[in-house]
Amino acid sequence: MKVALLAKNLFNEEVVAKAMTYEQYYILIKKLLQEGKTTGNSQSENYLKYAKMNFQRMKHVYRTTTLREDLKKTVQNLSQHQVWLVLTEGWCGDAAQSLPAISRIAELSENIDLRILLRDENINIIDAYHTKGSRSIPKLIAVDKSTFNVLFTWGPRPKQLQEMVMNHRANPKVAESEFNDELHRKYTVDKTSSMQDELLKLINSTIN
């Protein structure tokens, strides 16, 4: 009941209309980088460095992702019209590892409308769907296209990697840079497999 009420208050046709397609988001990031900028409220040299690196990650993940057959079949047979709203920013490494694959999944069905919202411009939404008190991104919120009721949420990262991050934050044993390198190595080895498995289960939960 609480989730449904949140959806009624936060999501509507206006929110979807102002959100970007994946292509528009990609073009925005590319344009901002050419201007020496990134998305969001933070415009430091570090954030710009992350944005440049993650733009390259986005292109690589989109190009190399192979979707599993059971996920493809489920998505292609989806009859319910859904809007997948993803809160993100161009500098986010986790988003660069996941969002391109989410886009590839959404492309399989005319019944999935993928829309991108910038986190810092939609604080009311991310605060309603935060992760353990944190405005962690990416955050995928799937809603029914006609009722705007929330169907499921996912993010900011696959459960195994989320547990790894939370353990590091609670008891850091290595420097942040070293930890981030290891985190992205695990993303590379996983090749979006864990995320695909989790999304398949969530999509099936809207069908069964």
C-alpha atoms as a PDB file:
ATOM      1  CA  MET A   1       0.000   0.000   0.000  1.00  0.00           C
ATOM      2  CA  LYS A   2       2.803   2.422   0.906  1.00  0.00           C
ATOM      3  CA  VAL A   3       4.582   1.841  -2.425  1.00  0.00           C
ATOM      4  CA  ALA A   4       1.363   2.383  -4.384  1.00  0.00           C
ATOM      5  CA  LEU A   5       0.721   5.650  -2.558  1.00  0.00           C
ATOM      6  CA  LEU A   6       4.252   6.847  -3.275  1.00  0.00           C
ATOM      7  CA  ALA A   7       3.730   6.137  -6.941  1.00  0.00           C
ATOM      8  CA  LYS A   8       0.481   8.103  -7.037  1.00  0.00           C
ATOM      9  CA  ASN A   9       2.269  11.108  -5.530  1.00  0.00           C
ATOM     10  CA  LEU A  10       5.500  10.957  -7.508  1.00  0.00           C
ATOM     11  CA  PHE A  11       4.839   9.526 -10.951  1.00  0.00           C
ATOM     12  CA  ASN A  12       2.545  10.814 -13.665  1.00  0.00           C
ATOM     13  CA  GLU A  13       2.550  11.636 -17.372  1.00  0.00           C
ATOM     14  CA  GLU A  14       4.369  14.913 -16.752  1.00  0.00           C
ATOM     15  CA  VAL A  15       7.277  13.174 -15.020  1.00  0.00           C
ATOM     16  CA  VAL A  16       7.582  10.660 -17.853  1.00  0.00           C
ATOM     17  CA  ALA A  17       7.340  13.369 -20.520  1.00  0.00           C
ATOM     18  CA  LYS A  18      10.225  15.382 -19.048  1.00  0.00           C
ATOM     19  CA  ALA A  19      12.446  12.309 -18.678  1.00  0.00           C
ATOM     20  CA  MET A  20      15.020  11.466 -21.355  1.00  0.00           C
ATOM     21  CA  THR A  21      15.338   8.469 -23.602  1.00  0.00           C
ATOM     22  CA  TYR A  22      18.626   6.588 -23.364  1.00  0.00           C
ATOM     23  CA  GLU A  23      19.746   8.157 -26.640  1.00  0.00           C
ATOM     24  CA  GLN A  24      18.981  11.660 -25.358  1.00  0.00           C
ATOM     25  CA  TYR A  25      20.865  10.911 -22.146  1.00  0.00           C
ATOM     26  CA  TYR A  26      23.872   9.649 -24.109  1.00  0.00           C
ATOM     27  CA  ILE A  27      23.884  12.760 -26.306  1.00  0.00           C
ATOM     28  CA  LEU A  28      23.589  15.023 -23.245  1.00  0.00           C
ATOM     29  CA  ILE A  29      26.597  13.430 -21.548  1.00  0.00           C
ATOM     30  CA  LYS A  30      28.655  13.650 -24.755  1.00  0.00           C
ATOM     31  CA  LYS A  31      27.757  17.323 -25.220  1.00  0.00           C
ATOM     32  CA  LEU A  32      28.556  18.219 -21.606  1.00  0.00           C
ATOM     33  CA  LEU A  33      31.909  16.447 -21.759  1.00  0.00           C
ATOM     34  CA  GLN A  34      32.806  18.460 -24.850  1.00  0.00           C
ATOM     35  CA  GLU A  35      32.109  21.559 -22.725  1.00  0.00           C
ATOM     36  CA  GLY A  36      34.224  20.241 -19.843  1.00  0.00           C
ATOM     37  CA  LYS A  37      31.161  19.490 -17.710  1.00  0.00           C
ATOM     38  CA  THR A  38      29.119  16.601 -16.406  1.00  0.00           C
ATOM     39  CA  THR A  39      25.563  16.206 -15.143  1.00  0.00           C
ATOM     40  CA  GLY A  40      24.551  16.977 -11.577  1.00  0.00           C
ATOM     41  CA  ASN A  41      25.344  19.598  -8.978  1.00  0.00           C
ATOM     42  CA  SER A  42      29.001  18.603  -8.534  1.00  0.00           C
ATOM     43  CA  GLN A  43      31.337  19.986 -11.200  1.00  0.00           C
ATOM     44  CA  SER A  44      34.752  19.248  -9.692  1.00  0.00           C
ATOM     45  CA  GLU A  45      37.764  17.930 -11.624  1.00  0.00           C
ATOM     46  CA  ASN A  46      37.260  14.522 -10.039  1.00  0.00           C
ATOM     47  CA  TYR A  47      33.638  14.302 -11.139  1.00  0.00           C
ATOM     48  CA  LEU A  48      34.628  15.318 -14.662  1.00  0.00           C
ATOM     49  CA  LYS A  49      37.326  12.625 -14.648  1.00  0.00           C
ATOM     50  CA  TYR A  50      34.776  10.024 -13.541  1.00  0.00           C
ATOM     51  CA  ALA A  51      32.307  11.213 -16.188  1.00  0.00           C
ATOM     52  CA  LYS A  52      34.874  10.819 -18.975  1.00  0.00           C
ATOM     53  CA  MET A  53      35.855   7.346 -17.815  1.00  0.00           C
ATOM     54  CA  ASN A  54      32.263   6.224 -17.352  1.00  0.00           C
ATOM     55  CA  PHE A  55      31.193   7.502 -20.755  1.00  0.00           C
ATOM     56  CA  GLN A  56      33.708   5.070 -22.241  1.00  0.00           C
ATOM     57  CA  ARG A  57      32.378   2.325 -19.934  1.00  0.00           C
ATOM     58  CA  MET A  58      28.844   3.015 -21.118  1.00  0.00           C
ATOM     59  CA  LYS A  59      29.828   2.576 -24.747  1.00  0.00           C
ATOM     60  CA  HIS A  60      31.730  -0.631 -23.993  1.00  0.00           C
ATOM     61  CA  VAL A  61      28.956  -2.236 -21.906  1.00  0.00           C
ATOM     62  CA  TYR A  62      26.285  -1.383 -24.464  1.00  0.00           C
ATOM     63  CA  ARG A  63      28.371  -2.860 -27.286  1.00  0.00           C
ATOM     64  CA  THR A  64      29.467  -6.039 -25.502  1.00  0.00           C
ATOM     65  CA  THR A  65      26.434  -7.053 -23.430  1.00  0.00           C
ATOM     66  CA  THR A  66      24.931 -10.419 -24.370  1.00  0.00           C
ATOM     67  CA  LEU A  67      21.413 -10.905 -23.046  1.00  0.00           C
ATOM     68  CA  ARG A  68      20.407 -14.347 -21.804  1.00  0.00           C
ATOM     69  CA  GLU A  69      17.773 -16.155 -23.826  1.00  0.00           C
ATOM     70  CA  ASP A  70      15.218 -16.644 -21.031  1.00  0.00           C
ATOM     71  CA  LEU A  71      15.317 -12.922 -20.258  1.00  0.00           C
ATOM     72  CA  LYS A  72      14.893 -12.035 -23.926  1.00  0.00           C
ATOM     73  CA  LYS A  73      11.919 -14.365 -24.293  1.00  0.00           C
ATOM     74  CA  THR A  74      10.214 -13.036 -21.170  1.00  0.00           C
ATOM     75  CA  VAL A  75      10.669  -9.402 -22.196  1.00  0.00           C
ATOM     76  CA  GLN A  76       9.569 -10.010 -25.773  1.00  0.00           C
ATOM     77  CA  ASN A  77       6.367 -11.678 -24.524  1.00  0.00           C
ATOM     78  CA  LEU A  78       5.581  -8.934 -22.004  1.00  0.00           C
ATOM     79  CA  SER A  79       2.014  -7.705 -22.497  1.00  0.00           C
ATOM     80  CA  GLN A  80       1.827  -5.091 -19.747  1.00  0.00           C
ATOM     81  CA  HIS A  81       2.884  -1.569 -20.689  1.00  0.00           C
ATOM     82  CA  GLN A  82       5.627  -0.473 -18.298  1.00  0.00           C
ATOM     83  CA  VAL A  83       7.720   2.643 -17.851  1.00  0.00           C
ATOM     84  CA  TRP A  84      11.214   2.025 -16.506  1.00  0.00           C
ATOM     85  CA  LEU A  85      12.418   5.215 -14.841  1.00  0.00           C
ATOM     86  CA  VAL A  86      16.123   5.265 -13.985  1.00  0.00           C
ATOM     87  CA  LEU A  87      17.624   7.899 -11.723  1.00  0.00           C
ATOM     88  CA  THR A  88      21.286   8.443 -12.540  1.00  0.00           C
ATOM     89  CA  GLU A  89      24.093  10.924 -13.270  1.00  0.00           C
ATOM     90  CA  GLY A  90      26.795  10.914 -15.924  1.00  0.00           C
ATOM     91  CA  TRP A  91      29.670  10.542 -13.440  1.00  0.00           C
ATOM     92  CA  CYS A  92      28.286   7.385 -11.792  1.00  0.00           C
ATOM     93  CA  GLY A  93      30.407   4.272 -12.320  1.00  0.00           C
ATOM     94  CA  ASP A  94      27.702   1.828 -11.229  1.00  0.00           C
ATOM     95  CA  ALA A  95      25.283   3.404 -13.704  1.00  0.00           C
ATOM     96  CA  ALA A  96      27.840   3.089 -16.489  1.00  0.00           C
ATOM     97  CA  GLN A  97      28.060  -0.635 -15.738  1.00  0.00           C
ATOM     98  CA  SER A  98      24.296  -1.254 -15.616  1.00  0.00           C
ATOM     99  CA  LEU A  99      22.295   1.336 -17.531  1.00  0.00           C
ATOM    100  CA  PRO A 100      23.487   0.341 -21.030  1.00  0.00           C
ATOM    101  CA  ALA A 101      22.374  -3.248 -20.407  1.00  0.00           C
ATOM    102  CA  ILE A 102      19.044  -2.016 -19.045  1.00  0.00           C
ATOM    103  CA  SER A 103      18.650  -0.093 -22.289  1.00  0.00           C
ATOM    104  CA  ARG A 104      19.423  -3.207 -24.326  1.00  0.00           C
ATOM    105  CA  ILE A 105      16.722  -5.089 -22.382  1.00  0.00           C
ATOM    106  CA  ALA A 106      14.127  -2.350 -22.864  1.00  0.00           C
ATOM    107  CA  GLU A 107      14.809  -2.289 -26.606  1.00  0.00           C
ATOM    108  CA  LEU A 108      13.439  -5.829 -26.849  1.00  0.00           C
ATOM    109  CA  SER A 109       9.852  -4.765 -26.163  1.00  0.00           C
ATOM    110  CA  GLU A 110       7.579  -1.971 -27.310  1.00  0.00           C
ATOM    111  CA  ASN A 111       5.850  -2.390 -23.953  1.00  0.00           C
ATOM    112  CA  ILE A 112       8.863  -1.084 -22.018  1.00  0.00           C
ATOM    113  CA  ASP A 113       9.434   2.654 -22.173  1.00  0.00           C
ATOM    114  CA  LEU A 114      12.866   3.403 -20.680  1.00  0.00           C
ATOM    115  CA  ARG A 115      13.208   6.933 -19.355  1.00  0.00           C
ATOM    116  CA  ILE A 116      16.162   8.597 -17.640  1.00  0.00           C
ATOM    117  CA  LEU A 117      15.894  11.125 -14.805  1.00  0.00           C
ATOM    118  CA  LEU A 118      18.863  13.014 -13.390  1.00  0.00           C
ATOM    119  CA  ARG A 119      19.086  12.351  -9.673  1.00  0.00           C
ATOM    120  CA  ASP A 120      20.018  15.874  -8.601  1.00  0.00           C
ATOM    121  CA  GLU A 121      17.003  17.286 -10.439  1.00  0.00           C
ATOM    122  CA  ASN A 122      14.638  14.771  -8.832  1.00  0.00           C
ATOM    123  CA  ILE A 123      15.565  14.706  -5.156  1.00  0.00           C
ATOM    124  CA  ASN A 124      11.963  14.048  -4.111  1.00  0.00           C
ATOM    125  CA  ILE A 125      11.988  10.773  -6.048  1.00  0.00           C
ATOM    126  CA  ILE A 126      15.416   9.508  -4.997  1.00  0.00           C
ATOM    127  CA  ASP A 127      14.639  10.340  -1.363  1.00  0.00           C
ATOM    128  CA  ALA A 128      11.509   8.209  -1.593  1.00  0.00           C
ATOM    129  CA  TYR A 129      13.487   5.320  -3.080  1.00  0.00           C
ATOM    130  CA  HIS A 130      16.850   5.696  -1.398  1.00  0.00           C
ATOM    131  CA  THR A 131      19.094   2.805  -0.392  1.00  0.00           C
ATOM    132  CA  LYS A 132      19.645   2.571   3.373  1.00  0.00           C
ATOM    133  CA  GLY A 133      19.399   6.336   3.709  1.00  0.00           C
ATOM    134  CA  SER A 134      21.710   7.008   0.748  1.00  0.00           C
ATOM    135  CA  ARG A 135      20.855   8.618  -2.603  1.00  0.00           C
ATOM    136  CA  SER A 136      22.662   5.782  -4.379  1.00  0.00           C
ATOM    137  CA  ILE A 137      22.331   5.451  -8.145  1.00  0.00           C
ATOM    138  CA  PRO A 138      21.399   4.042 -10.534  1.00  0.00           C
ATOM    139  CA  LYS A 139      17.912   3.384  -9.238  1.00  0.00           C
ATOM    140  CA  LEU A 140      15.405   1.717 -11.543  1.00  0.00           C
ATOM    141  CA  ILE A 141      11.732   2.172 -10.697  1.00  0.00           C
ATOM    142  CA  ALA A 142       9.308   0.305 -12.964  1.00  0.00           C
ATOM    143  CA  VAL A 143       5.743   1.606 -13.033  1.00  0.00           C
ATOM    144  CA  ASP A 144       2.574   0.585 -14.813  1.00  0.00           C
ATOM    145  CA  LYS A 145       2.148   2.968 -17.748  1.00  0.00           C
ATOM    146  CA  SER A 146      -1.573   3.521 -17.166  1.00  0.00           C
ATOM    147  CA  THR A 147      -1.854   3.594 -13.355  1.00  0.00           C
ATOM    148  CA  PHE A 148       1.699   4.683 -12.452  1.00  0.00           C
ATOM    149  CA  ASN A 149       1.702   2.156  -9.649  1.00  0.00           C
ATOM    150  CA  VAL A 150       5.176   0.859  -8.836  1.00  0.00           C
ATOM    151  CA  LEU A 151       5.794  -2.676 -10.094  1.00  0.00           C
ATOM    152  CA  PHE A 152       9.337  -3.158  -8.825  1.00  0.00           C
ATOM    153  CA  THR A 153      12.582  -1.357  -8.074  1.00  0.00           C
ATOM    154  CA  TRP A 154      16.185  -2.325  -8.684  1.00  0.00           C
ATOM    155  CA  GLY A 155      19.534  -0.820  -7.827  1.00  0.00           C
ATOM    156  CA  PRO A 156      21.944   0.675  -7.260  1.00  0.00           C
ATOM    157  CA  ARG A 157      23.896  -2.498  -8.100  1.00  0.00           C
ATOM    158  CA  PRO A 158      23.519  -6.306  -8.110  1.00  0.00           C
ATOM    159  CA  LYS A 159      22.964  -7.739  -4.636  1.00  0.00           C
ATOM    160  CA  GLN A 160      26.357  -9.419  -4.377  1.00  0.00           C
ATOM    161  CA  LEU A 161      28.158  -6.204  -5.273  1.00  0.00           C
ATOM    162  CA  GLN A 162      25.873  -4.165  -3.030  1.00  0.00           C
ATOM    163  CA  GLU A 163      26.851  -6.408  -0.116  1.00  0.00           C
ATOM    164  CA  MET A 164      30.499  -5.929  -1.021  1.00  0.00           C
ATOM    165  CA  VAL A 165      30.072  -2.138  -0.980  1.00  0.00           C
ATOM    166  CA  MET A 166      28.199  -2.109   2.333  1.00  0.00           C
ATOM    167  CA  ASN A 167      30.848  -4.308   3.972  1.00  0.00           C
ATOM    168  CA  HIS A 168      33.573  -1.978   2.731  1.00  0.00           C
ATOM    169  CA  ARG A 169      31.788   1.084   4.058  1.00  0.00           C
ATOM    170  CA  ALA A 170      31.256  -0.549   7.446  1.00  0.00           C
ATOM    171  CA  ASN A 171      34.845  -1.811   7.704  1.00  0.00           C
ATOM    172  CA  PRO A 172      37.193  -0.457   5.022  1.00  0.00           C
ATOM    173  CA  LYS A 173      40.307  -2.618   4.709  1.00  0.00           C
ATOM    174  CA  VAL A 174      41.766  -1.000   1.595  1.00  0.00           C
ATOM    175  CA  ALA A 175      41.914   2.511   0.157  1.00  0.00           C
ATOM    176  CA  GLU A 176      38.813   3.766  -1.658  1.00  0.00           C
ATOM    177  CA  SER A 177      40.577   3.831  -5.024  1.00  0.00           C
ATOM    178  CA  GLU A 178      41.762   0.241  -4.608  1.00  0.00           C
ATOM    179  CA  PHE A 179      38.289  -0.866  -3.598  1.00  0.00           C
ATOM    180  CA  ASN A 180      36.696   0.845  -6.601  1.00  0.00           C
ATOM    181  CA  ASP A 181      39.163  -0.843  -8.942  1.00  0.00           C
ATOM    182  CA  GLU A 182      38.225  -4.223  -7.486  1.00  0.00           C
ATOM    183  CA  LEU A 183      34.510  -3.430  -7.706  1.00  0.00           C
ATOM    184  CA  HIS A 184      34.766  -2.634 -11.410  1.00  0.00           C
ATOM    185  CA  ARG A 185      36.863  -5.753 -12.022  1.00  0.00           C
ATOM    186  CA  LYS A 186      33.988  -7.764 -10.603  1.00  0.00           C
ATOM    187  CA  TYR A 187      31.556  -5.925 -12.881  1.00  0.00           C
ATOM    188  CA  THR A 188      33.776  -6.823 -15.836  1.00  0.00           C
ATOM    189  CA  VAL A 189      33.922 -10.501 -14.902  1.00  0.00           C
ATOM    190  CA  ASP A 190      30.178 -10.657 -14.229  1.00  0.00           C
ATOM    191  CA  LYS A 191      29.276  -9.119 -17.628  1.00  0.00           C
ATOM    192  CA  THR A 192      25.837  -7.965 -16.314  1.00  0.00           C
ATOM    193  CA  SER A 193      24.843 -11.596 -15.638  1.00  0.00           C
ATOM    194  CA  SER A 194      23.809 -10.946 -12.020  1.00  0.00           C
ATOM    195  CA  MET A 195      21.766  -7.913 -12.958  1.00  0.00           C
ATOM    196  CA  GLN A 196      20.034  -9.817 -15.750  1.00  0.00           C
ATOM    197  CA  ASP A 197      19.143 -12.612 -13.339  1.00  0.00           C
ATOM    198  CA  GLU A 198      17.708 -10.167 -10.806  1.00  0.00           C
ATOM    199  CA  LEU A 199      15.738  -8.233 -13.417  1.00  0.00           C
ATOM    200  CA  LEU A 200      14.326 -11.438 -14.881  1.00  0.00           C
ATOM    201  CA  LYS A 201      12.939 -12.382 -11.473  1.00  0.00           C
ATOM    202  CA  LEU A 202      11.497  -8.910 -10.974  1.00  0.00           C
ATOM    203  CA  ILE A 203       9.853  -8.864 -14.405  1.00  0.00           C
ATOM    204  CA  ASN A 204       8.385 -12.318 -13.763  1.00  0.00           C
ATOM    205  CA  SER A 205       6.948 -11.016 -10.492  1.00  0.00           C
ATOM    206  CA  THR A 206       4.843  -8.550 -12.493  1.00  0.00           C
ATOM    207  CA  ILE A 207       3.500 -11.364 -14.662  1.00  0.00           C
ATOM    208  CA  ASN A 208       2.790 -14.145 -12.147  1.00  0.00           C
END
